[in-house]
């Protein structure tokens, strides 16, 4: 299995903190945001490589970070530059996924994660669920607040865990299950990313792909027992820092 970390965004809402530093490398407590994510990545059974996809602006930052890691006994980290320089020419999350698959010639199952989301749900339990279902698997978190759900992908899930409806950032959410950016896909799914783009769909938010995919084949959602924090604003970052310092 290959883990793909999406870290090519510019986090303009966090300026000036992220004007010269990627969000994933900001401190959180005594560690960096990405360090918490790597804890989960390293817990996934059978990961042979970690591919971190970023942009030209932040490629040197992530390369230095990767070089400084002690990866003895763990999957090596490969940092990729997607060749973009700002929001005007970015590839989008799905475009970056395709770039990573093509550049590394990936022909393996993948776990795709946002490189800036802090989460407490068990990724190993999600992995076990993925293996049990042998189908594309998403993480679902119960989100009671309607306004928050409008910022997420939202799924309707049947008793067997299958996604029966899904939409990215719906104005009228049909359930309380928010879908966050942690996905498991079998290697047979990888060619479908290009099919998705070829049909003229958006290359941006990664939740757009499973919103399209569930209409073509069974897609399942693992109901996580934890939370997920998308540190998107200065206020949210400062609040989260205080929580982690405590």
Protein backbone atom coordinates (compact mmCIF):
# COMPACT_ATOMS: atom_id res chain seq x y z
CA UNK A 1 0.00 0.00 0.00
CA UNK A 2 1.12 3.55 -0.81
CA UNK A 3 0.12 6.50 1.38
CA UNK A 4 -0.45 9.76 -0.49
CA UNK A 5 -0.39 13.00 1.51
CA UNK A 6 -2.00 16.00 -0.18
CA UNK A 7 0.00 19.10 0.75
CA UNK A 8 -0.03 21.32 -2.35
CA UNK A 9 -2.37 24.00 -1.02
CA UNK A 10 -1.32 27.56 -0.23
CA UNK A 11 -3.50 28.11 2.88
CA UNK A 12 -4.10 31.78 2.09
CA UNK A 13 -6.68 32.06 4.88
CA UNK A 14 -3.86 31.55 7.37
CA UNK A 15 -1.72 34.43 6.09
CA UNK A 16 0.69 35.74 7.27
CA UNK A 17 1.62 32.43 9.01
CA UNK A 18 1.58 30.46 5.78
CA UNK A 19 2.99 33.10 3.44
CA UNK A 20 6.42 31.48 3.67
CA UNK A 21 5.64 28.20 5.46
CA UNK A 22 3.22 25.39 4.52
CA UNK A 23 0.36 24.79 6.92
CA UNK A 24 1.39 21.18 7.52
CA UNK A 25 4.71 22.34 8.98
CA UNK A 26 3.24 24.79 11.48
CA UNK A 27 3.80 23.91 15.14
CA UNK A 28 1.02 22.35 17.19
CA UNK A 29 1.97 21.87 20.80
CA UNK A 30 5.52 20.51 20.89
CA UNK A 31 5.30 18.97 17.42
CA UNK A 32 4.32 19.90 13.85
CA UNK A 33 0.87 19.34 12.35
CA UNK A 34 2.26 16.78 9.91
CA UNK A 35 3.92 14.79 12.71
CA UNK A 36 0.53 13.82 14.11
CA UNK A 37 -0.61 12.73 10.66
CA UNK A 38 2.52 10.64 10.17
CA UNK A 39 1.77 8.79 13.42
CA UNK A 40 -1.41 7.50 11.78
CA UNK A 41 0.25 6.80 8.43
CA UNK A 42 2.92 4.71 10.15
CA UNK A 43 0.21 2.68 11.89
CA UNK A 44 -1.33 1.49 8.59
CA UNK A 45 -0.29 -2.14 7.95
CA UNK A 46 1.75 -2.79 4.83
CA UNK A 47 2.60 0.77 3.79
CA UNK A 48 5.75 0.60 1.66
CA UNK A 49 6.05 4.25 0.62
CA UNK A 50 4.73 7.66 1.67
CA UNK A 51 4.29 10.08 -1.24
CA UNK A 52 3.88 13.71 -0.20
CA UNK A 53 2.72 15.93 -3.05
CA UNK A 54 3.32 19.65 -2.70
CA UNK A 55 3.94 22.71 -4.88
CA UNK A 56 7.08 24.42 -6.13
CA UNK A 57 6.89 27.11 -3.46
CA UNK A 58 6.92 24.69 -0.53
CA UNK A 59 8.87 21.81 -2.07
CA UNK A 60 12.15 22.87 -0.37
CA UNK A 61 10.41 23.05 3.03
CA UNK A 62 8.97 19.54 2.78
CA UNK A 63 12.19 18.12 1.33
CA UNK A 64 14.13 19.41 4.33
CA UNK A 65 11.49 18.07 6.71
CA UNK A 66 11.61 14.64 5.06
CA UNK A 67 15.41 14.58 5.13
CA UNK A 68 15.35 15.29 8.87
CA UNK A 69 13.07 12.34 9.66
CA UNK A 70 14.38 9.13 11.18
CA UNK A 71 12.60 6.55 9.04
CA UNK A 72 14.56 3.47 10.05
CA UNK A 73 12.13 0.56 10.04
CA UNK A 74 9.41 2.73 8.48
CA UNK A 75 8.23 3.43 4.94
CA UNK A 76 10.41 5.99 3.11
CA UNK A 77 9.00 9.43 2.29
CA UNK A 78 9.11 10.70 -1.29
CA UNK A 79 8.37 14.42 -1.78
CA UNK A 80 6.96 15.46 -5.17
CA UNK A 81 6.77 18.94 -6.70
CA UNK A 82 3.59 19.32 -8.76
CA UNK A 83 5.07 22.26 -10.68
CA UNK A 84 2.57 24.89 -9.54
CA UNK A 85 3.37 28.23 -7.93
CA UNK A 86 0.13 29.75 -6.60
CA UNK A 87 -3.66 29.44 -6.53
CA UNK A 88 -3.96 30.60 -10.15
CA UNK A 89 -2.27 27.51 -11.62
CA UNK A 90 -2.81 24.85 -8.96
CA UNK A 91 -3.80 21.36 -10.10
CA UNK A 92 -6.40 20.76 -7.41
CA UNK A 93 -6.41 17.78 -5.04
CA UNK A 94 -7.61 15.28 -7.63
CA UNK A 95 -5.17 16.65 -10.19
CA UNK A 96 -2.39 16.12 -7.64
CA UNK A 97 -3.54 12.56 -6.98
CA UNK A 98 -3.34 11.78 -10.70
CA UNK A 99 0.09 13.48 -10.93
CA UNK A 100 1.38 11.37 -8.04
CA UNK A 101 0.02 8.11 -9.50
CA UNK A 102 1.57 8.86 -12.90
CA UNK A 103 4.92 10.18 -11.63
CA UNK A 104 5.56 7.21 -9.33
CA UNK A 105 3.86 4.66 -11.57
CA UNK A 106 1.69 3.54 -8.65
CA UNK A 107 0.04 0.16 -9.17
CA UNK A 108 -0.95 -0.61 -5.61
CA UNK A 109 -3.71 0.08 -3.12
CA UNK A 110 -3.56 3.61 -1.74
CA UNK A 111 -4.51 5.55 1.35
CA UNK A 112 -5.03 9.23 0.52
CA UNK A 113 -4.99 11.81 3.30
CA UNK A 114 -5.08 15.59 3.61
CA UNK A 115 -1.69 16.73 4.82
CA UNK A 116 -3.19 19.26 7.22
CA UNK A 117 -6.13 17.53 8.95
CA UNK A 118 -5.65 16.48 12.57
CA UNK A 119 -7.81 13.48 13.48
CA UNK A 120 -8.35 11.14 16.41
CA UNK A 121 -10.30 8.29 14.76
CA UNK A 122 -8.49 4.98 14.37
CA UNK A 123 -7.04 4.67 10.88
CA UNK A 124 -6.11 1.03 11.59
CA UNK A 125 -9.76 0.19 12.31
CA UNK A 126 -10.67 1.97 9.08
CA UNK A 127 -8.04 -0.07 7.25
CA UNK A 128 -9.49 -3.31 8.65
CA UNK A 129 -12.94 -2.20 7.47
CA UNK A 130 -11.52 -1.47 3.99
CA UNK A 131 -10.08 -4.97 3.81
CA UNK A 132 -13.34 -6.50 5.01
CA UNK A 133 -15.45 -4.66 2.43
CA UNK A 134 -12.84 -4.92 -0.34
CA UNK A 135 -14.21 -1.68 -1.79
CA UNK A 136 -13.48 2.07 -1.74
CA UNK A 137 -13.74 3.24 1.86
CA UNK A 138 -14.32 6.74 3.27
CA UNK A 139 -14.21 8.06 6.82
CA UNK A 140 -17.54 9.34 8.19
CA UNK A 141 -17.77 11.50 11.31
CA UNK A 142 -21.04 12.55 12.92
CA UNK A 143 -21.31 16.34 12.58
CA UNK A 144 -24.42 17.76 14.32
CA UNK A 145 -23.88 21.39 13.22
CA UNK A 146 -25.57 22.16 9.89
CA UNK A 147 -23.23 25.05 9.09
CA UNK A 148 -20.21 22.82 9.54
CA UNK A 149 -21.71 20.11 7.31
CA UNK A 150 -22.19 22.66 4.55
CA UNK A 151 -18.40 22.98 4.40
CA UNK A 152 -17.85 19.22 4.02
CA UNK A 153 -18.80 16.32 1.82
CA UNK A 154 -21.91 14.72 3.35
CA UNK A 155 -23.03 11.12 2.82
CA UNK A 156 -26.17 9.07 3.43
CA UNK A 157 -25.10 5.63 4.66
CA UNK A 158 -27.24 2.48 4.78
CA UNK A 159 -27.20 -0.20 7.50
CA UNK A 160 -24.41 -2.08 5.75
CA UNK A 161 -22.22 1.02 5.58
CA UNK A 162 -22.74 1.59 1.87
CA UNK A 163 -22.95 5.18 0.63
CA UNK A 164 -26.34 5.73 -1.01
CA UNK A 165 -26.04 9.49 -1.53
CA UNK A 166 -23.15 11.92 -1.32
CA UNK A 167 -22.53 15.56 -2.16
CA UNK A 168 -19.62 17.96 -1.70
CA UNK A 169 -20.50 21.06 0.39
CA UNK A 170 -24.30 20.72 0.07
CA UNK A 171 -26.52 23.64 1.06
CA UNK A 172 -29.12 21.17 2.31
CA UNK A 173 -27.21 18.25 3.89
CA UNK A 174 -29.17 14.98 3.78
CA UNK A 175 -27.51 13.44 6.84
CA UNK A 176 -25.24 14.22 9.78
CA UNK A 177 -22.35 12.15 8.39
CA UNK A 178 -19.50 14.39 7.30
CA UNK A 179 -16.86 12.85 5.04
CA UNK A 180 -13.31 13.97 5.78
CA UNK A 181 -10.16 13.61 3.70
CA UNK A 182 -9.04 10.07 4.52
CA UNK A 183 -9.70 7.50 1.79
CA UNK A 184 -8.72 3.92 1.02
CA UNK A 185 -8.85 2.84 -2.64
CA UNK A 186 -7.85 -0.45 -4.23
CA UNK A 187 -5.43 -0.29 -7.14
CA UNK A 188 -8.28 -1.13 -9.53
CA UNK A 189 -9.82 2.25 -8.73
CA UNK A 190 -6.79 4.35 -9.73
CA UNK A 191 -7.56 4.54 -13.49
CA UNK A 192 -10.98 5.97 -12.65
CA UNK A 193 -9.47 9.24 -11.47
CA UNK A 194 -8.62 10.05 -15.10
CA UNK A 195 -12.06 8.92 -16.22
CA UNK A 196 -13.56 11.31 -13.65
CA UNK A 197 -11.52 14.21 -15.07
CA UNK A 198 -12.20 13.21 -18.68
CA UNK A 199 -15.91 13.65 -18.00
CA UNK A 200 -15.27 17.30 -17.18
CA UNK A 201 -15.55 17.07 -13.39
CA UNK A 202 -13.84 19.39 -10.91
CA UNK A 203 -10.21 18.58 -10.03
CA UNK A 204 -10.44 20.41 -6.71
CA UNK A 205 -11.84 18.98 -3.43
CA UNK A 206 -10.98 15.28 -3.04
CA UNK A 207 -14.55 14.56 -1.85
CA UNK A 208 -15.79 15.23 -5.37
CA UNK A 209 -14.33 11.94 -6.60
CA UNK A 210 -16.21 9.57 -4.25
CA UNK A 211 -19.35 11.69 -4.79
CA UNK A 212 -19.05 10.60 -8.43
CA UNK A 213 -17.75 7.10 -7.74
CA UNK A 214 -20.58 5.83 -5.51
CA UNK A 215 -22.97 6.09 -8.46
CA UNK A 216 -20.83 3.63 -10.41
CA UNK A 217 -19.94 1.00 -7.79
CA UNK A 218 -20.29 0.20 -4.08
CA UNK A 219 -18.50 2.73 -1.88
CA UNK A 220 -18.48 2.28 1.89
CA UNK A 221 -18.04 4.62 4.83
CA UNK A 222 -16.37 3.66 8.08
CA UNK A 223 -18.04 5.48 10.97
CA UNK A 224 -15.13 6.82 12.97
CA UNK A 225 -15.30 7.15 16.74
CA UNK A 226 -13.11 10.25 16.89
CA UNK A 227 -12.96 13.74 15.46
CA UNK A 228 -11.19 15.63 12.70
CA UNK A 229 -9.92 19.21 12.74
CA UNK A 230 -9.31 21.12 9.53
CA UNK A 231 -7.14 24.03 10.63
CA UNK A 232 -8.38 26.55 8.08
CA UNK A 233 -8.34 29.93 9.82
CA UNK A 234 -6.07 31.84 12.19
CA UNK A 235 -8.74 31.70 14.89
CA UNK A 236 -9.11 27.93 14.50
CA UNK A 237 -5.35 27.44 14.54
CA UNK A 238 -4.88 29.52 17.70
CA UNK A 239 -7.69 27.64 19.43
CA UNK A 240 -6.25 24.26 18.45
CA UNK A 241 -2.76 25.29 19.60
CA UNK A 242 -4.10 26.13 23.05
CA UNK A 243 -5.83 22.76 23.26
CA UNK A 244 -2.65 20.89 22.33
CA UNK A 245 -0.50 22.94 24.70
CA UNK A 246 -2.83 21.88 27.52
